[in-house]
């Protein structure tokens, strides 16, 4: 069963302004390499989606699946983050990178 919902990522990354280190079971293709650890800096959602995630979070309702995030890889600057698509099903573990 999936542990990390869209609402969990939204809460930690967007509401609490944490950078998240995501450990993925199925890596993402990044410049011809498969990367299993990425740093998430934001979720790519419009205002309506953001309101829905906030409402879901407030009502303890969790959703899973494909999400678009802003991320960078180890050794890169957060300012070089790019938009990528991942599935919440592929997230094995999350580490908060700043408190």
C-alpha atoms as a PDB file:
ATOM      1  CA  UNK A   1       0.000   0.000   0.000  1.00  0.00           C
ATOM      2  CA  UNK A   2       1.152   3.498  -0.807  1.00  0.00           C
ATOM      3  CA  UNK A   3       2.252   5.533   2.207  1.00  0.00           C
ATOM      4  CA  UNK A   4       2.824   8.936   0.635  1.00  0.00           C
ATOM      5  CA  UNK A   5      -0.227  10.701  -0.764  1.00  0.00           C
ATOM      6  CA  UNK A   6      -0.438  13.848  -2.865  1.00  0.00           C
ATOM      7  CA  UNK A   7      -1.762  15.587   0.241  1.00  0.00           C
ATOM      8  CA  UNK A   8       1.238  14.459   2.323  1.00  0.00           C
ATOM      9  CA  UNK A   9       3.646  15.858  -0.286  1.00  0.00           C
ATOM     10  CA  UNK A  10       1.595  19.052  -0.559  1.00  0.00           C
ATOM     11  CA  UNK A  11       1.609  19.551   3.229  1.00  0.00           C
ATOM     12  CA  UNK A  12       5.336  19.011   3.692  1.00  0.00           C
ATOM     13  CA  UNK A  13       6.639  20.688   0.554  1.00  0.00           C
ATOM     14  CA  UNK A  14       4.169  23.486  -0.177  1.00  0.00           C
ATOM     15  CA  UNK A  15       2.559  24.340   3.167  1.00  0.00           C
ATOM     16  CA  UNK A  16       5.618  23.731   5.378  1.00  0.00           C
ATOM     17  CA  UNK A  17       8.158  24.843   2.729  1.00  0.00           C
ATOM     18  CA  UNK A  18      10.375  21.771   3.096  1.00  0.00           C
ATOM     19  CA  UNK A  19      12.649  20.432   0.419  1.00  0.00           C
ATOM     20  CA  UNK A  20      11.986  16.679   0.283  1.00  0.00           C
ATOM     21  CA  UNK A  21      14.464  13.998  -0.651  1.00  0.00           C
ATOM     22  CA  UNK A  22      12.381  11.329  -2.364  1.00  0.00           C
ATOM     23  CA  UNK A  23      13.755   7.788  -2.533  1.00  0.00           C
ATOM     24  CA  UNK A  24      12.060   6.115  -5.501  1.00  0.00           C
ATOM     25  CA  UNK A  25      11.575   2.416  -6.204  1.00  0.00           C
ATOM     26  CA  UNK A  26      11.311   3.115  -9.938  1.00  0.00           C
ATOM     27  CA  UNK A  27      13.744   5.868 -10.823  1.00  0.00           C
ATOM     28  CA  UNK A  28      13.118   8.692 -13.249  1.00  0.00           C
ATOM     29  CA  UNK A  29      15.001   9.157 -16.511  1.00  0.00           C
ATOM     30  CA  UNK A  30      17.164  12.242 -16.113  1.00  0.00           C
ATOM     31  CA  UNK A  31      19.513  13.205 -18.942  1.00  0.00           C
ATOM     32  CA  UNK A  32      19.902   9.585 -20.116  1.00  0.00           C
ATOM     33  CA  UNK A  33      20.398   8.224 -16.572  1.00  0.00           C
ATOM     34  CA  UNK A  34      17.919   6.611 -14.203  1.00  0.00           C
ATOM     35  CA  UNK A  35      17.923   8.502 -10.892  1.00  0.00           C
ATOM     36  CA  UNK A  36      16.412   6.933  -7.741  1.00  0.00           C
ATOM     37  CA  UNK A  37      16.882   9.884  -5.366  1.00  0.00           C
ATOM     38  CA  UNK A  38      15.543  13.333  -6.223  1.00  0.00           C
ATOM     39  CA  UNK A  39      14.994  16.528  -4.277  1.00  0.00           C
ATOM     40  CA  UNK A  40      11.452  17.892  -4.515  1.00  0.00           C
ATOM     41  CA  UNK A  41      11.060  21.654  -4.126  1.00  0.00           C
ATOM     42  CA  UNK A  42       7.451  22.223  -5.208  1.00  0.00           C
ATOM     43  CA  UNK A  43       4.304  20.688  -6.662  1.00  0.00           C
ATOM     44  CA  UNK A  44       3.153  21.894 -10.068  1.00  0.00           C
ATOM     45  CA  UNK A  45      -0.536  22.535  -9.465  1.00  0.00           C
ATOM     46  CA  UNK A  46      -2.880  25.308 -10.488  1.00  0.00           C
ATOM     47  CA  UNK A  47      -4.915  27.308  -7.972  1.00  0.00           C
ATOM     48  CA  UNK A  48      -7.972  25.043  -8.189  1.00  0.00           C
ATOM     49  CA  UNK A  49      -5.879  21.890  -7.656  1.00  0.00           C
ATOM     50  CA  UNK A  50      -4.110  23.559  -4.739  1.00  0.00           C
ATOM     51  CA  UNK A  51      -7.460  24.386  -3.097  1.00  0.00           C
ATOM     52  CA  UNK A  52      -8.609  20.771  -3.566  1.00  0.00           C
ATOM     53  CA  UNK A  53      -5.391  19.393  -2.026  1.00  0.00           C
ATOM     54  CA  UNK A  54      -5.801  21.749   0.929  1.00  0.00           C
ATOM     55  CA  UNK A  55      -9.434  20.726   1.392  1.00  0.00           C
ATOM     56  CA  UNK A  56      -8.505  17.031   1.134  1.00  0.00           C
ATOM     57  CA  UNK A  57      -5.698  17.494   3.666  1.00  0.00           C
ATOM     58  CA  UNK A  58      -8.016  19.334   6.095  1.00  0.00           C
ATOM     59  CA  UNK A  59     -10.543  16.478   5.835  1.00  0.00           C
ATOM     60  CA  UNK A  60      -7.956  13.667   6.124  1.00  0.00           C
ATOM     61  CA  UNK A  61      -8.725  12.489   2.597  1.00  0.00           C
ATOM     62  CA  UNK A  62      -5.744  11.090   0.683  1.00  0.00           C
ATOM     63  CA  UNK A  63      -5.269  10.659  -3.055  1.00  0.00           C
ATOM     64  CA  UNK A  64      -2.515   8.825  -4.916  1.00  0.00           C
ATOM     65  CA  UNK A  65      -1.139   8.515  -8.418  1.00  0.00           C
ATOM     66  CA  UNK A  66       0.677  10.628 -10.962  1.00  0.00           C
ATOM     67  CA  UNK A  67       1.915  14.079  -9.932  1.00  0.00           C
ATOM     68  CA  UNK A  68       4.034  16.774 -11.524  1.00  0.00           C
ATOM     69  CA  UNK A  69       6.726  18.169  -9.264  1.00  0.00           C
ATOM     70  CA  UNK A  70       9.656  20.548  -9.446  1.00  0.00           C
ATOM     71  CA  UNK A  71      12.835  18.633  -8.592  1.00  0.00           C
ATOM     72  CA  UNK A  72      16.603  18.534  -8.884  1.00  0.00           C
ATOM     73  CA  UNK A  73      19.193  15.823  -8.354  1.00  0.00           C
ATOM     74  CA  UNK A  74      22.150  15.521  -6.015  1.00  0.00           C
ATOM     75  CA  UNK A  75      25.009  17.863  -6.872  1.00  0.00           C
ATOM     76  CA  UNK A  76      22.739  20.371  -8.605  1.00  0.00           C
ATOM     77  CA  UNK A  77      21.433  23.701  -7.407  1.00  0.00           C
ATOM     78  CA  UNK A  78      17.790  23.988  -6.316  1.00  0.00           C
ATOM     79  CA  UNK A  79      17.619  26.907  -8.759  1.00  0.00           C
ATOM     80  CA  UNK A  80      18.143  24.408 -11.589  1.00  0.00           C
ATOM     81  CA  UNK A  81      15.097  22.327 -10.602  1.00  0.00           C
ATOM     82  CA  UNK A  82      12.923  21.153 -13.473  1.00  0.00           C
ATOM     83  CA  UNK A  83       9.400  19.827 -13.809  1.00  0.00           C
ATOM     84  CA  UNK A  84       9.113  16.039 -13.825  1.00  0.00           C
ATOM     85  CA  UNK A  85       6.278  13.552 -13.489  1.00  0.00           C
ATOM     86  CA  UNK A  86       6.332  10.743 -10.930  1.00  0.00           C
ATOM     87  CA  UNK A  87       3.843   8.410  -9.317  1.00  0.00           C
ATOM     88  CA  UNK A  88       3.234   8.425  -5.580  1.00  0.00           C
ATOM     89  CA  UNK A  89       3.345   4.610  -5.870  1.00  0.00           C
ATOM     90  CA  UNK A  90       7.083   4.834  -6.611  1.00  0.00           C
ATOM     91  CA  UNK A  91       8.003   6.719  -3.423  1.00  0.00           C
ATOM     92  CA  UNK A  92       9.636   4.405  -0.870  1.00  0.00           C
ATOM     93  CA  UNK A  93      10.808   6.998   1.638  1.00  0.00           C
ATOM     94  CA  UNK A  94      10.847  10.754   2.207  1.00  0.00           C
ATOM     95  CA  UNK A  95      13.438  12.787   4.089  1.00  0.00           C
ATOM     96  CA  UNK A  96      12.858  16.387   5.169  1.00  0.00           C
ATOM     97  CA  UNK A  97      15.884  18.392   4.087  1.00  0.00           C
ATOM     98  CA  UNK A  98      15.202  21.562   6.106  1.00  0.00           C
ATOM     99  CA  UNK A  99      13.190  22.159   9.275  1.00  0.00           C
END
